[in-house]
Amino acid sequence: MESKPYRNKEIMKVPRFEESARFYTTPTRSKNMAKIAGKNSFPELKLRKALWAKNIRFRIHPKDFPGKPDLIINKYRLAIFVDGDF
């Protein structure tokens, strides 16, 4: 099959990756991402305290599970992933 040429011959405008255009440079992006907690975040701690108060026992951050869940409850064969908002 032969491809058809574009009808509109305008040049596509690509945004520039500059801080003025709200794109962060590598050091700034690195600094922002370093502040994000991967473990023991506030929502995760609140959930763990609530589960413990209800006598639901769990394991935190198991290494041998696929997907690396935040909590697992062996009794119910349940894996819990707590997604924080940043």
C-alpha atoms as a PDB file:
ATOM      1  CA  MET A   1       0.000   0.000   0.000  1.00  0.00           C
ATOM      2  CA  GLU A   2       1.148   3.457  -0.819  1.00  0.00           C
ATOM      3  CA  SER A   3       0.881   6.076   1.927  1.00  0.00           C
ATOM      4  CA  LYS A   4      -0.920   9.310   1.152  1.00  0.00           C
ATOM      5  CA  PRO A   5       0.887  12.618   1.641  1.00  0.00           C
ATOM      6  CA  TYR A   6      -0.378  14.978   4.331  1.00  0.00           C
ATOM      7  CA  ARG A   7      -2.954  17.441   3.130  1.00  0.00           C
ATOM      8  CA  ASN A   8      -1.977  20.119   5.623  1.00  0.00           C
ATOM      9  CA  LYS A   9       1.672  20.995   5.133  1.00  0.00           C
ATOM     10  CA  GLU A  10       2.065  23.031   8.332  1.00  0.00           C
ATOM     11  CA  ILE A  11       5.070  22.216  10.424  1.00  0.00           C
ATOM     12  CA  MET A  12       4.286  20.518  13.711  1.00  0.00           C
ATOM     13  CA  LYS A  13       5.327  22.657  16.688  1.00  0.00           C
ATOM     14  CA  VAL A  14       7.200  20.774  19.405  1.00  0.00           C
ATOM     15  CA  PRO A  15       7.315  22.349  22.879  1.00  0.00           C
ATOM     16  CA  ARG A  16      10.719  23.330  24.198  1.00  0.00           C
ATOM     17  CA  PHE A  17      11.757  21.673  27.423  1.00  0.00           C
ATOM     18  CA  GLU A  18      12.464  24.766  29.467  1.00  0.00           C
ATOM     19  CA  GLU A  19      11.547  25.760  33.003  1.00  0.00           C
ATOM     20  CA  SER A  20       9.600  28.732  31.660  1.00  0.00           C
ATOM     21  CA  ALA A  21       7.327  26.267  29.839  1.00  0.00           C
ATOM     22  CA  ARG A  22       6.843  24.304  33.119  1.00  0.00           C
ATOM     23  CA  PHE A  23       9.257  21.570  32.090  1.00  0.00           C
ATOM     24  CA  TYR A  24      11.843  20.981  34.746  1.00  0.00           C
ATOM     25  CA  THR A  25      15.512  20.465  34.079  1.00  0.00           C
ATOM     26  CA  THR A  26      17.254  17.350  35.370  1.00  0.00           C
ATOM     27  CA  PRO A  27      18.574  18.768  38.696  1.00  0.00           C
ATOM     28  CA  THR A  28      15.208  20.334  39.539  1.00  0.00           C
ATOM     29  CA  ARG A  29      13.304  17.167  38.585  1.00  0.00           C
ATOM     30  CA  SER A  30      15.737  15.075  40.617  1.00  0.00           C
ATOM     31  CA  LYS A  31      15.246  17.295  43.665  1.00  0.00           C
ATOM     32  CA  ASN A  32      11.438  17.053  43.386  1.00  0.00           C
ATOM     33  CA  MET A  33      11.452  13.278  42.935  1.00  0.00           C
ATOM     34  CA  ALA A  34      13.836  12.777  45.878  1.00  0.00           C
ATOM     35  CA  LYS A  35      11.231  14.291  48.214  1.00  0.00           C
ATOM     36  CA  ILE A  36       8.649  11.637  47.333  1.00  0.00           C
ATOM     37  CA  ALA A  37       8.566   8.850  49.901  1.00  0.00           C
ATOM     38  CA  GLY A  38       8.412   5.327  48.500  1.00  0.00           C
ATOM     39  CA  LYS A  39       7.779   3.603  51.825  1.00  0.00           C
ATOM     40  CA  ASN A  40       6.130   4.524  55.129  1.00  0.00           C
ATOM     41  CA  SER A  41       4.127   7.387  53.659  1.00  0.00           C
ATOM     42  CA  PHE A  42       1.428   9.109  55.690  1.00  0.00           C
ATOM     43  CA  PRO A  43      -1.543   7.259  54.079  1.00  0.00           C
ATOM     44  CA  GLU A  44       0.261   3.939  54.508  1.00  0.00           C
ATOM     45  CA  LEU A  45       0.963   4.591  58.201  1.00  0.00           C
ATOM     46  CA  LYS A  46      -2.672   5.541  58.825  1.00  0.00           C
ATOM     47  CA  LEU A  47      -3.875   2.314  57.182  1.00  0.00           C
ATOM     48  CA  ARG A  48      -1.394   0.224  59.156  1.00  0.00           C
ATOM     49  CA  LYS A  49      -2.499   1.783  62.455  1.00  0.00           C
ATOM     50  CA  ALA A  50      -6.170   1.170  61.625  1.00  0.00           C
ATOM     51  CA  LEU A  51      -5.555  -2.469  60.675  1.00  0.00           C
ATOM     52  CA  TRP A  52      -3.468  -3.095  63.801  1.00  0.00           C
ATOM     53  CA  ALA A  53      -6.188  -1.560  66.005  1.00  0.00           C
ATOM     54  CA  LYS A  54      -8.695  -4.031  64.484  1.00  0.00           C
ATOM     55  CA  ASN A  55      -6.328  -6.943  65.284  1.00  0.00           C
ATOM     56  CA  ILE A  56      -5.589  -7.588  61.621  1.00  0.00           C
ATOM     57  CA  ARG A  57      -1.974  -8.688  61.416  1.00  0.00           C
ATOM     58  CA  PHE A  58       0.078  -8.028  58.298  1.00  0.00           C
ATOM     59  CA  ARG A  59       3.561  -7.926  56.842  1.00  0.00           C
ATOM     60  CA  ILE A  60       5.036  -4.753  55.383  1.00  0.00           C
ATOM     61  CA  HIS A  61       7.085  -4.400  52.192  1.00  0.00           C
ATOM     62  CA  PRO A  62       7.728  -8.090  51.477  1.00  0.00           C
ATOM     63  CA  LYS A  63      10.652  -8.635  49.122  1.00  0.00           C
ATOM     64  CA  ASP A  64       9.519 -11.942  47.604  1.00  0.00           C
ATOM     65  CA  PHE A  65       6.141 -10.872  46.199  1.00  0.00           C
ATOM     66  CA  PRO A  66       5.615  -9.734  42.616  1.00  0.00           C
ATOM     67  CA  GLY A  67       4.808  -6.049  42.296  1.00  0.00           C
ATOM     68  CA  LYS A  68       6.230  -5.206  45.749  1.00  0.00           C
ATOM     69  CA  PRO A  69       2.979  -4.559  47.667  1.00  0.00           C
ATOM     70  CA  ASP A  70       3.003  -2.242  50.682  1.00  0.00           C
ATOM     71  CA  LEU A  71       1.139  -4.685  52.929  1.00  0.00           C
ATOM     72  CA  ILE A  72       0.186  -8.338  52.773  1.00  0.00           C
ATOM     73  CA  ILE A  73      -2.333 -10.125  54.963  1.00  0.00           C
ATOM     74  CA  ASN A  74      -1.470 -13.817  54.857  1.00  0.00           C
ATOM     75  CA  LYS A  75      -4.695 -14.918  56.590  1.00  0.00           C
ATOM     76  CA  TYR A  76      -6.826 -13.548  53.759  1.00  0.00           C
ATOM     77  CA  ARG A  77      -4.231 -14.000  50.982  1.00  0.00           C
ATOM     78  CA  LEU A  78      -4.473 -10.269  50.315  1.00  0.00           C
ATOM     79  CA  ALA A  79      -1.918  -7.828  48.904  1.00  0.00           C
ATOM     80  CA  ILE A  80      -2.484  -4.107  49.437  1.00  0.00           C
ATOM     81  CA  PHE A  81      -0.896  -1.303  47.432  1.00  0.00           C
ATOM     82  CA  VAL A  82      -1.190   2.191  48.944  1.00  0.00           C
ATOM     83  CA  ASP A  83      -0.901   4.871  46.264  1.00  0.00           C
ATOM     84  CA  GLY A  84       0.026   8.255  47.601  1.00  0.00           C
ATOM     85  CA  ASP A  85      -0.659  11.539  45.865  1.00  0.00           C
ATOM     86  CA  PHE A  86       2.209  13.898  45.145  1.00  0.00           C
END
